[in-house]
Amino acid sequence: MSQKLKIGIPKGSLQEATIGLFRRSGWNINVNSRSYFPEINDEQIECAICRAQEMSRYVENETLDAGLTGKDWIAENDSDVHVVADLVYSKVSARPARWVVAVPYDSGITRLEDLAGKKIATELVAFTRRYFAERGIEVTIEFSWGATEAKVVSGLADAIVEVTETESTIKAHGLRIIHEMMKTNTQLIANHRAWEAPEKRKKIEQIALLLKGALRGEKMVGLKMNVPQDRMEQVVGMLPSLKSPTVAPLYRSTYYSVEIMVDREIVRDLIPRLLANGAEGIIEYPLNKVV
């Protein structure tokens, strides 16, 4: 078995987001449009581009040692792989996507049982077939090559099973969701042989650590400020952080330097409050990784 780690990068909608995540983690992946084997600045890694829908099969049969793909496609392929890390990111938002059952807005169908004897269009055929069979609901499942929402609008199907993050496309087609089948997110997976090989496992764990650190860094920022001694307790009491803030006295001064990491979403409300309570010279800076 080669000592280089062969890792799959998902082709399609997740490709740029994945390459960007690796870049923030310290790996530069250079993709040539004429090659499915991009270069990476790590002599211990070989990359291959393949569709997320097929990734878990290539990892399971040991064509690849590891790869990134959706939890949904692992379930669709019923693949026996080792899930190393959950990585919640996408081309749209930093939250899990959902596979849902949707019907026309004016349809009388309101629950799964109402779909008995009906036709459902989806790309997630095997999982959908198992899902309905486990509930004893007989339906016809047809594979959709794309534009799945249009299948219902044009009368080619009674319902669809589709993935959504914001529901905007589903609503734009005049559909409504009647059921959520599963939440999905990107996962770093490995085959069992690679996971049991010490050197490859060490490399996979390194990748998982830094990818998760980069995702955590996206959600947080650093704040640094000067605080007068007589306002320290008041200001520090306002600061949410991973741990206690770093505090250091300023040279020949009654001020202290205070530094923390906080959730990016609260900064817009926090900074005005800090200023109002005596903090000065506030600096906000991005965090590349938090590990």
C-alpha atoms as a PDB file:
ATOM      1  CA  MET A   1       0.000   0.000   0.000  1.00  0.00           C
ATOM      2  CA  SER A   2       1.370   3.422  -0.996  1.00  0.00           C
ATOM      3  CA  GLN A   3       2.388   5.624   1.892  1.00  0.00           C
ATOM      4  CA  LYS A   4       0.976   8.685   0.144  1.00  0.00           C
ATOM      5  CA  LEU A   5      -2.521   9.514   1.287  1.00  0.00           C
ATOM      6  CA  LYS A   6      -4.951   9.492  -1.653  1.00  0.00           C
ATOM      7  CA  ILE A   7      -7.760  11.914  -0.869  1.00  0.00           C
ATOM      8  CA  GLY A   8     -10.834  12.757  -2.914  1.00  0.00           C
ATOM      9  CA  ILE A   9     -12.024  16.337  -3.419  1.00  0.00           C
ATOM     10  CA  PRO A  10     -15.716  16.641  -4.370  1.00  0.00           C
ATOM     11  CA  LYS A  11     -16.398  17.878  -7.895  1.00  0.00           C
ATOM     12  CA  GLY A  12     -19.226  20.302  -8.541  1.00  0.00           C
ATOM     13  CA  SER A  13     -20.938  22.721  -6.190  1.00  0.00           C
ATOM     14  CA  LEU A  14     -18.709  21.887  -3.207  1.00  0.00           C
ATOM     15  CA  GLN A  15     -15.398  21.982  -5.087  1.00  0.00           C
ATOM     16  CA  GLU A  16     -14.512  25.649  -4.633  1.00  0.00           C
ATOM     17  CA  ALA A  17     -15.723  25.706  -1.024  1.00  0.00           C
ATOM     18  CA  THR A  18     -13.615  22.610  -0.262  1.00  0.00           C
ATOM     19  CA  ILE A  19     -10.493  23.997  -1.938  1.00  0.00           C
ATOM     20  CA  GLY A  20     -10.994  27.251  -0.031  1.00  0.00           C
ATOM     21  CA  LEU A  21     -11.311  25.356   3.251  1.00  0.00           C
ATOM     22  CA  PHE A  22      -8.076  23.462   2.540  1.00  0.00           C
ATOM     23  CA  ARG A  23      -6.361  26.762   1.690  1.00  0.00           C
ATOM     24  CA  ARG A  24      -7.335  28.244   5.057  1.00  0.00           C
ATOM     25  CA  SER A  25      -6.064  25.044   6.674  1.00  0.00           C
ATOM     26  CA  GLY A  26      -2.620  25.366   5.045  1.00  0.00           C
ATOM     27  CA  TRP A  27      -2.949  23.288   1.847  1.00  0.00           C
ATOM     28  CA  ASN A  28      -2.998  24.890  -1.602  1.00  0.00           C
ATOM     29  CA  ILE A  29      -4.785  22.735  -4.172  1.00  0.00           C
ATOM     30  CA  ASN A  30      -4.244  23.767  -7.801  1.00  0.00           C
ATOM     31  CA  VAL A  31      -6.915  22.413 -10.127  1.00  0.00           C
ATOM     32  CA  ASN A  32      -6.258  22.118 -13.843  1.00  0.00           C
ATOM     33  CA  SER A  33      -9.481  21.989 -15.838  1.00  0.00           C
ATOM     34  CA  ARG A  34      -7.992  19.228 -18.023  1.00  0.00           C
ATOM     35  CA  SER A  35      -6.954  16.983 -15.132  1.00  0.00           C
ATOM     36  CA  TYR A  36      -8.789  15.148 -12.389  1.00  0.00           C
ATOM     37  CA  PHE A  37      -5.606  14.976 -10.305  1.00  0.00           C
ATOM     38  CA  PRO A  38      -4.831  18.448  -8.907  1.00  0.00           C
ATOM     39  CA  GLU A  39      -1.521  19.415  -7.375  1.00  0.00           C
ATOM     40  CA  ILE A  40      -1.224  20.007  -3.638  1.00  0.00           C
ATOM     41  CA  ASN A  41       1.646  21.506  -1.635  1.00  0.00           C
ATOM     42  CA  ASP A  42       2.158  18.389   0.497  1.00  0.00           C
ATOM     43  CA  GLU A  43       4.384  15.512  -0.612  1.00  0.00           C
ATOM     44  CA  GLN A  44       2.446  13.090   1.591  1.00  0.00           C
ATOM     45  CA  ILE A  45      -0.880  13.671  -0.194  1.00  0.00           C
ATOM     46  CA  GLU A  46      -2.265  12.866  -3.643  1.00  0.00           C
ATOM     47  CA  CYS A  47      -5.563  14.472  -4.694  1.00  0.00           C
ATOM     48  CA  ALA A  48      -8.273  13.282  -7.051  1.00  0.00           C
ATOM     49  CA  ILE A  49     -11.438  15.076  -8.136  1.00  0.00           C
ATOM     50  CA  CYS A  50     -14.622  13.007  -8.240  1.00  0.00           C
ATOM     51  CA  ARG A  51     -18.335  13.518  -7.797  1.00  0.00           C
ATOM     52  CA  ALA A  52     -19.581  13.658  -4.212  1.00  0.00           C
ATOM     53  CA  GLN A  53     -22.270  11.118  -5.164  1.00  0.00           C
ATOM     54  CA  GLU A  54     -19.552   8.514  -5.943  1.00  0.00           C
ATOM     55  CA  MET A  55     -16.958   9.425  -3.315  1.00  0.00           C
ATOM     56  CA  SER A  56     -17.947   6.955  -0.607  1.00  0.00           C
ATOM     57  CA  ARG A  57     -17.828   4.048  -3.092  1.00  0.00           C
ATOM     58  CA  TYR A  58     -14.275   4.940  -4.147  1.00  0.00           C
ATOM     59  CA  VAL A  59     -13.225   5.256  -0.512  1.00  0.00           C
ATOM     60  CA  GLU A  60     -14.913   2.008   0.485  1.00  0.00           C
ATOM     61  CA  ASN A  61     -13.290  -0.001  -2.336  1.00  0.00           C
ATOM     62  CA  GLU A  62      -9.866   1.549  -1.476  1.00  0.00           C
ATOM     63  CA  THR A  63      -9.399   3.426  -4.746  1.00  0.00           C
ATOM     64  CA  LEU A  64      -9.100   6.408  -2.404  1.00  0.00           C
ATOM     65  CA  ASP A  65      -7.864   6.370   1.181  1.00  0.00           C
ATOM     66  CA  ALA A  66     -10.073   9.256   2.242  1.00  0.00           C
ATOM     67  CA  GLY A  67     -12.424  11.864   0.825  1.00  0.00           C
ATOM     68  CA  LEU A  68     -14.985  14.523   1.501  1.00  0.00           C
ATOM     69  CA  THR A  69     -18.616  13.909   0.682  1.00  0.00           C
ATOM     70  CA  GLY A  70     -22.087  14.421   2.066  1.00  0.00           C
ATOM     71  CA  LYS A  71     -23.625  12.294   4.771  1.00  0.00           C
ATOM     72  CA  ASP A  72     -26.523  11.872   2.321  1.00  0.00           C
ATOM     73  CA  TRP A  73     -24.395  10.167  -0.350  1.00  0.00           C
ATOM     74  CA  ILE A  74     -22.835   7.819   2.183  1.00  0.00           C
ATOM     75  CA  ALA A  75     -26.372   6.789   3.124  1.00  0.00           C
ATOM     76  CA  GLU A  76     -27.446   6.572  -0.532  1.00  0.00           C
ATOM     77  CA  ASN A  77     -24.573   4.206  -1.344  1.00  0.00           C
ATOM     78  CA  ASP A  78     -24.942   2.369   1.988  1.00  0.00           C
ATOM     79  CA  SER A  79     -21.133   2.582   2.241  1.00  0.00           C
ATOM     80  CA  ASP A  80     -19.084   0.967   4.993  1.00  0.00           C
ATOM     81  CA  VAL A  81     -16.556   3.722   5.717  1.00  0.00           C
ATOM     82  CA  HIS A  82     -15.050   5.351   8.775  1.00  0.00           C
ATOM     83  CA  VAL A  83     -16.438   8.846   9.430  1.00  0.00           C
ATOM     84  CA  VAL A  84     -13.489  10.891  10.681  1.00  0.00           C
ATOM     85  CA  ALA A  85     -15.093  14.319  11.097  1.00  0.00           C
ATOM     86  CA  ASP A  86     -18.284  16.281  10.515  1.00  0.00           C
ATOM     87  CA  LEU A  87     -17.542  19.450   8.547  1.00  0.00           C
ATOM     88  CA  VAL A  88     -20.500  21.796   8.285  1.00  0.00           C
ATOM     89  CA  TYR A  89     -19.918  23.998   5.249  1.00  0.00           C
ATOM     90  CA  SER A  90     -21.411  24.470   1.806  1.00  0.00           C
ATOM     91  CA  LYS A  91     -21.429  26.867  -1.136  1.00  0.00           C
ATOM     92  CA  VAL A  92     -24.298  28.779   0.526  1.00  0.00           C
ATOM     93  CA  SER A  93     -24.168  28.661   4.307  1.00  0.00           C
ATOM     94  CA  ALA A  94     -22.461  27.188   7.338  1.00  0.00           C
ATOM     95  CA  ARG A  95     -25.382  24.995   8.333  1.00  0.00           C
ATOM     96  CA  PRO A  96     -26.558  21.483   7.467  1.00  0.00           C
ATOM     97  CA  ALA A  97     -28.707  20.995   4.385  1.00  0.00           C
ATOM     98  CA  ARG A  98     -31.965  19.023   4.531  1.00  0.00           C
ATOM     99  CA  TRP A  99     -33.502  16.384   2.300  1.00  0.00           C
ATOM    100  CA  VAL A 100     -37.228  17.051   2.273  1.00  0.00           C
ATOM    101  CA  VAL A 101     -40.413  15.778   0.672  1.00  0.00           C
ATOM    102  CA  ALA A 102     -42.232  18.557  -1.201  1.00  0.00           C
ATOM    103  CA  VAL A 103     -45.534  18.695  -3.057  1.00  0.00           C
ATOM    104  CA  PRO A 104     -47.432  21.387  -5.007  1.00  0.00           C
ATOM    105  CA  TYR A 105     -48.678  24.145  -2.736  1.00  0.00           C
ATOM    106  CA  ASP A 106     -52.317  23.427  -3.593  1.00  0.00           C
ATOM    107  CA  SER A 107     -51.970  19.638  -3.271  1.00  0.00           C
ATOM    108  CA  GLY A 108     -54.152  17.759  -0.826  1.00  0.00           C
ATOM    109  CA  ILE A 109     -51.123  15.719   0.268  1.00  0.00           C
ATOM    110  CA  THR A 110     -50.154  16.702   3.816  1.00  0.00           C
ATOM    111  CA  ARG A 111     -48.283  13.654   5.186  1.00  0.00           C
ATOM    112  CA  LEU A 112     -46.154  10.759   3.958  1.00  0.00           C
ATOM    113  CA  GLU A 113     -49.019   8.282   4.105  1.00  0.00           C
ATOM    114  CA  ASP A 114     -50.931  10.364   1.537  1.00  0.00           C
ATOM    115  CA  LEU A 115     -48.227   9.494  -1.002  1.00  0.00           C
ATOM    116  CA  ALA A 116     -49.184   5.795  -1.108  1.00  0.00           C
ATOM    117  CA  GLY A 117     -49.461   4.761  -4.762  1.00  0.00           C
ATOM    118  CA  LYS A 118     -47.934   8.061  -5.934  1.00  0.00           C
ATOM    119  CA  LYS A 119     -44.805   8.826  -7.955  1.00  0.00           C
ATOM    120  CA  ILE A 120     -41.789  10.573  -6.406  1.00  0.00           C
ATOM    121  CA  ALA A 121     -38.865  12.070  -8.351  1.00  0.00           C
ATOM    122  CA  THR A 122     -35.450  12.365  -6.697  1.00  0.00           C
ATOM    123  CA  GLU A 123     -31.715  11.980  -7.152  1.00  0.00           C
ATOM    124  CA  LEU A 124     -31.545  10.180  -3.795  1.00  0.00           C
ATOM    125  CA  VAL A 125     -33.240   7.026  -5.077  1.00  0.00           C
ATOM    126  CA  ALA A 126     -31.935   4.193  -2.880  1.00  0.00           C
ATOM    127  CA  PHE A 127     -32.254   6.052   0.416  1.00  0.00           C
ATOM    128  CA  THR A 128     -35.749   7.292  -0.482  1.00  0.00           C
ATOM    129  CA  ARG A 129     -36.848   3.797  -1.455  1.00  0.00           C
ATOM    130  CA  ARG A 130     -35.589   2.397   1.864  1.00  0.00           C
ATOM    131  CA  TYR A 131     -37.128   5.288   3.800  1.00  0.00           C
ATOM    132  CA  PHE A 132     -40.644   4.682   2.475  1.00  0.00           C
ATOM    133  CA  ALA A 133     -40.319   0.868   2.620  1.00  0.00           C
ATOM    134  CA  GLU A 134     -39.383   1.042   6.315  1.00  0.00           C
ATOM    135  CA  ARG A 135     -42.639   2.911   6.919  1.00  0.00           C
ATOM    136  CA  GLY A 136     -44.725   0.513   4.854  1.00  0.00           C
ATOM    137  CA  ILE A 137     -45.684   3.118   2.252  1.00  0.00           C
ATOM    138  CA  GLU A 138     -45.716   1.843  -1.331  1.00  0.00           C
ATOM    139  CA  VAL A 139     -44.540   4.503  -3.780  1.00  0.00           C
ATOM    140  CA  THR A 140     -42.881   4.625  -7.179  1.00  0.00           C
ATOM    141  CA  ILE A 141     -39.425   6.212  -7.080  1.00  0.00           C
ATOM    142  CA  GLU A 142     -37.974   7.681 -10.282  1.00  0.00           C
ATOM    143  CA  PHE A 143     -34.453   9.019 -10.692  1.00  0.00           C
ATOM    144  CA  SER A 144     -34.205  12.707 -11.561  1.00  0.00           C
ATOM    145  CA  TRP A 145     -31.209  14.007 -13.507  1.00  0.00           C
ATOM    146  CA  GLY A 146     -31.823  17.556 -12.311  1.00  0.00           C
ATOM    147  CA  ALA A 147     -34.425  20.332 -12.252  1.00  0.00           C
ATOM    148  CA  THR A 148     -36.302  18.040  -9.877  1.00  0.00           C
ATOM    149  CA  GLU A 149     -38.731  20.744  -8.740  1.00  0.00           C
ATOM    150  CA  ALA A 150     -39.991  21.071 -12.312  1.00  0.00           C
ATOM    151  CA  LYS A 151     -41.053  17.410 -12.352  1.00  0.00           C
ATOM    152  CA  VAL A 152     -43.977  18.194 -10.055  1.00  0.00           C
ATOM    153  CA  VAL A 153     -44.863  21.452 -11.780  1.00  0.00           C
ATOM    154  CA  SER A 154     -45.062  19.676 -15.153  1.00  0.00           C
ATOM    155  CA  GLY A 155     -47.058  16.752 -13.751  1.00  0.00           C
ATOM    156  CA  LEU A 156     -44.314  14.153 -14.202  1.00  0.00           C
ATOM    157  CA  ALA A 157     -44.365  13.331 -10.482  1.00  0.00           C
ATOM    158  CA  ASP A 158     -46.698  13.800  -7.517  1.00  0.00           C
ATOM    159  CA  ALA A 159     -43.902  14.784  -5.130  1.00  0.00           C
ATOM    160  CA  ILE A 160     -40.161  15.263  -4.985  1.00  0.00           C
ATOM    161  CA  VAL A 161     -37.424  14.445  -2.523  1.00  0.00           C
ATOM    162  CA  GLU A 162     -34.884  17.239  -2.796  1.00  0.00           C
ATOM    163  CA  VAL A 163     -32.046  18.821  -0.847  1.00  0.00           C
ATOM    164  CA  THR A 164     -32.420  22.395   0.369  1.00  0.00           C
ATOM    165  CA  GLU A 165     -30.582  24.889   2.546  1.00  0.00           C
ATOM    166  CA  THR A 166     -32.763  27.973   2.310  1.00  0.00           C
ATOM    167  CA  GLU A 167     -36.004  26.550   0.786  1.00  0.00           C
ATOM    168  CA  SER A 168     -35.935  29.428  -1.727  1.00  0.00           C
ATOM    169  CA  THR A 169     -35.880  27.222  -4.860  1.00  0.00           C
ATOM    170  CA  ILE A 170     -38.664  25.016  -3.530  1.00  0.00           C
ATOM    171  CA  LYS A 171     -40.866  28.011  -2.734  1.00  0.00           C
ATOM    172  CA  ALA A 172     -40.038  29.660  -6.063  1.00  0.00           C
ATOM    173  CA  HIS A 173     -41.536  26.617  -7.835  1.00  0.00           C
ATOM    174  CA  GLY A 174     -44.771  26.842  -5.859  1.00  0.00           C
ATOM    175  CA  LEU A 175     -44.009  23.831  -3.677  1.00  0.00           C
ATOM    176  CA  ARG A 176     -44.342  23.254   0.049  1.00  0.00           C
ATOM    177  CA  ILE A 177     -42.472  20.889   2.338  1.00  0.00           C
ATOM    178  CA  ILE A 178     -44.490  18.201   4.098  1.00  0.00           C
ATOM    179  CA  HIS A 179     -41.675  16.184   5.678  1.00  0.00           C
ATOM    180  CA  GLU A 180     -37.960  16.323   6.490  1.00  0.00           C
ATOM    181  CA  MET A 181     -36.192  13.019   5.795  1.00  0.00           C
ATOM    182  CA  MET A 182     -32.661  13.793   6.946  1.00  0.00           C
ATOM    183  CA  LYS A 183     -30.136  16.508   7.705  1.00  0.00           C
ATOM    184  CA  THR A 184     -26.846  16.264   5.860  1.00  0.00           C
ATOM    185  CA  ASN A 185     -23.438  17.903   5.949  1.00  0.00           C
ATOM    186  CA  THR A 186     -20.004  17.258   4.513  1.00  0.00           C
ATOM    187  CA  GLN A 187     -18.008  14.511   6.190  1.00  0.00           C
ATOM    188  CA  LEU A 188     -14.358  13.523   6.006  1.00  0.00           C
ATOM    189  CA  ILE A 189     -14.335   9.752   5.532  1.00  0.00           C
ATOM    190  CA  ALA A 190     -11.658   7.066   5.277  1.00  0.00           C
ATOM    191  CA  ASN A 191     -11.623   3.388   4.375  1.00  0.00           C
ATOM    192  CA  HIS A 192     -10.887   0.989   7.200  1.00  0.00           C
ATOM    193  CA  ARG A 193      -7.511  -0.118   5.863  1.00  0.00           C
ATOM    194  CA  ALA A 194      -6.186   3.442   5.619  1.00  0.00           C
ATOM    195  CA  TRP A 195      -7.566   4.247   9.072  1.00  0.00           C
ATOM    196  CA  GLU A 196      -5.746   1.257  10.557  1.00  0.00           C
ATOM    197  CA  ALA A 197      -2.418   2.194   8.915  1.00  0.00           C
ATOM    198  CA  PRO A 198      -0.552   4.364  11.488  1.00  0.00           C
ATOM    199  CA  GLU A 199       1.072   6.826   9.056  1.00  0.00           C
ATOM    200  CA  LYS A 200      -2.060   7.357   6.978  1.00  0.00           C
ATOM    201  CA  ARG A 201      -4.230   7.651  10.062  1.00  0.00           C
ATOM    202  CA  LYS A 202      -1.874  10.296  11.463  1.00  0.00           C
ATOM    203  CA  LYS A 203      -2.182  12.299   8.226  1.00  0.00           C
ATOM    204  CA  ILE A 204      -5.961  11.949   8.119  1.00  0.00           C
ATOM    205  CA  GLU A 205      -6.207  13.112  11.732  1.00  0.00           C
ATOM    206  CA  GLN A 206      -3.990  16.107  10.916  1.00  0.00           C
ATOM    207  CA  ILE A 207      -6.277  17.058   8.030  1.00  0.00           C
ATOM    208  CA  ALA A 208      -9.385  16.670  10.208  1.00  0.00           C
ATOM    209  CA  LEU A 209      -7.883  18.794  12.990  1.00  0.00           C
ATOM    210  CA  LEU A 210      -6.956  21.690  10.709  1.00  0.00           C
ATOM    211  CA  LEU A 211     -10.133  21.605   8.603  1.00  0.00           C
ATOM    212  CA  LYS A 212     -12.234  21.792  11.762  1.00  0.00           C
ATOM    213  CA  GLY A 213      -9.984  24.549  13.080  1.00  0.00           C
ATOM    214  CA  ALA A 214     -10.475  26.555   9.888  1.00  0.00           C
ATOM    215  CA  LEU A 215     -14.254  26.174  10.083  1.00  0.00           C
ATOM    216  CA  ARG A 216     -14.197  27.248  13.731  1.00  0.00           C
ATOM    217  CA  GLY A 217     -12.033  30.233  12.799  1.00  0.00           C
ATOM    218  CA  GLU A 218     -14.615  31.317  10.203  1.00  0.00           C
ATOM    219  CA  LYS A 219     -17.241  31.684  12.894  1.00  0.00           C
ATOM    220  CA  MET A 220     -15.097  33.705  15.301  1.00  0.00           C
ATOM    221  CA  VAL A 221     -13.038  36.888  15.434  1.00  0.00           C
ATOM    222  CA  GLY A 222     -10.437  38.240  17.807  1.00  0.00           C
ATOM    223  CA  LEU A 223     -11.026  41.436  19.765  1.00  0.00           C
ATOM    224  CA  LYS A 224      -8.286  43.488  21.380  1.00  0.00           C
ATOM    225  CA  MET A 225      -8.896  46.627  23.443  1.00  0.00           C
ATOM    226  CA  ASN A 226      -7.534  48.895  26.127  1.00  0.00           C
ATOM    227  CA  VAL A 227      -9.502  49.153  29.365  1.00  0.00           C
ATOM    228  CA  PRO A 228      -8.907  51.547  32.307  1.00  0.00           C
ATOM    229  CA  GLN A 229      -8.270  49.818  35.606  1.00  0.00           C
ATOM    230  CA  ASP A 230     -11.416  51.195  37.243  1.00  0.00           C
ATOM    231  CA  ARG A 231     -13.620  49.696  34.461  1.00  0.00           C
ATOM    232  CA  MET A 232     -11.955  46.291  34.195  1.00  0.00           C
ATOM    233  CA  GLU A 233     -14.484  44.222  36.135  1.00  0.00           C
ATOM    234  CA  GLN A 234     -17.390  45.795  34.303  1.00  0.00           C
ATOM    235  CA  VAL A 235     -15.893  45.287  30.826  1.00  0.00           C
ATOM    236  CA  VAL A 236     -14.555  41.779  31.451  1.00  0.00           C
ATOM    237  CA  GLY A 237     -17.956  40.754  32.771  1.00  0.00           C
ATOM    238  CA  MET A 238     -19.431  41.577  29.369  1.00  0.00           C
ATOM    239  CA  LEU A 239     -17.039  39.408  27.398  1.00  0.00           C
ATOM    240  CA  PRO A 240     -18.145  35.989  26.141  1.00  0.00           C
ATOM    241  CA  SER A 241     -15.098  33.942  25.162  1.00  0.00           C
ATOM    242  CA  LEU A 242     -13.788  30.401  24.816  1.00  0.00           C
ATOM    243  CA  LYS A 243     -11.963  30.882  28.092  1.00  0.00           C
ATOM    244  CA  SER A 244     -11.097  33.805  30.336  1.00  0.00           C
ATOM    245  CA  PRO A 245      -9.747  36.780  28.348  1.00  0.00           C
ATOM    246  CA  THR A 246      -6.031  37.492  28.175  1.00  0.00           C
ATOM    247  CA  VAL A 247      -5.263  40.561  30.318  1.00  0.00           C
ATOM    248  CA  ALA A 248      -1.926  42.387  30.516  1.00  0.00           C
ATOM    249  CA  PRO A 249      -1.025  45.714  32.165  1.00  0.00           C
ATOM    250  CA  LEU A 250       0.185  48.450  29.832  1.00  0.00           C
ATOM    251  CA  TYR A 251       3.627  49.895  30.549  1.00  0.00           C
ATOM    252  CA  ARG A 252       3.531  52.802  33.017  1.00  0.00           C
ATOM    253  CA  SER A 253      -0.223  53.120  32.689  1.00  0.00           C
ATOM    254  CA  THR A 254      -3.452  52.559  34.590  1.00  0.00           C
ATOM    255  CA  TYR A 255      -4.808  50.757  31.509  1.00  0.00           C
ATOM    256  CA  TYR A 256      -4.867  47.071  30.678  1.00  0.00           C
ATOM    257  CA  SER A 257      -4.784  45.320  27.309  1.00  0.00           C
ATOM    258  CA  VAL A 258      -7.617  42.808  26.987  1.00  0.00           C
ATOM    259  CA  GLU A 259      -7.808  40.203  24.215  1.00  0.00           C
ATOM    260  CA  ILE A 260     -10.509  37.613  23.517  1.00  0.00           C
ATOM    261  CA  MET A 261     -12.062  35.405  20.801  1.00  0.00           C
ATOM    262  CA  VAL A 262     -15.799  35.813  20.278  1.00  0.00           C
ATOM    263  CA  ASP A 263     -18.532  34.638  17.946  1.00  0.00           C
ATOM    264  CA  ARG A 264     -18.510  36.761  14.768  1.00  0.00           C
ATOM    265  CA  GLU A 265     -22.284  37.297  14.904  1.00  0.00           C
ATOM    266  CA  ILE A 266     -22.306  39.092  18.258  1.00  0.00           C
ATOM    267  CA  VAL A 267     -19.535  41.610  17.491  1.00  0.00           C
ATOM    268  CA  ARG A 268     -21.810  44.248  15.953  1.00  0.00           C
ATOM    269  CA  ASP A 269     -23.767  44.483  19.210  1.00  0.00           C
ATOM    270  CA  LEU A 270     -20.841  43.915  21.554  1.00  0.00           C
ATOM    271  CA  ILE A 271     -18.472  46.673  20.350  1.00  0.00           C
ATOM    272  CA  PRO A 272     -20.857  49.598  21.021  1.00  0.00           C
ATOM    273  CA  ARG A 273     -21.548  48.239  24.501  1.00  0.00           C
ATOM    274  CA  LEU A 274     -17.827  47.887  25.224  1.00  0.00           C
ATOM    275  CA  LEU A 275     -17.199  51.474  24.144  1.00  0.00           C
ATOM    276  CA  ALA A 276     -20.084  52.710  26.278  1.00  0.00           C
ATOM    277  CA  ASN A 277     -18.579  50.955  29.296  1.00  0.00           C
ATOM    278  CA  GLY A 278     -15.066  52.363  29.026  1.00  0.00           C
ATOM    279  CA  ALA A 279     -13.169  50.200  26.518  1.00  0.00           C
ATOM    280  CA  GLU A 280     -10.961  52.091  24.063  1.00  0.00           C
ATOM    281  CA  GLY A 281      -8.934  51.386  20.917  1.00  0.00           C
ATOM    282  CA  ILE A 282     -10.916  48.266  19.998  1.00  0.00           C
ATOM    283  CA  ILE A 283      -9.378  46.188  17.206  1.00  0.00           C
ATOM    284  CA  GLU A 284     -11.273  43.379  15.473  1.00  0.00           C
ATOM    285  CA  TYR A 285      -9.233  40.853  13.478  1.00  0.00           C
ATOM    286  CA  PRO A 286     -10.055  37.625  11.608  1.00  0.00           C
ATOM    287  CA  LEU A 287      -8.982  34.202  12.820  1.00  0.00           C
ATOM    288  CA  ASN A 288      -7.625  31.764  10.253  1.00  0.00           C
ATOM    289  CA  LYS A 289      -7.931  28.722  12.508  1.00  0.00           C
ATOM    290  CA  VAL A 290      -9.039  27.987  16.064  1.00  0.00           C
ATOM    291  CA  VAL A 291      -7.748  24.631  17.362  1.00  0.00           C
END
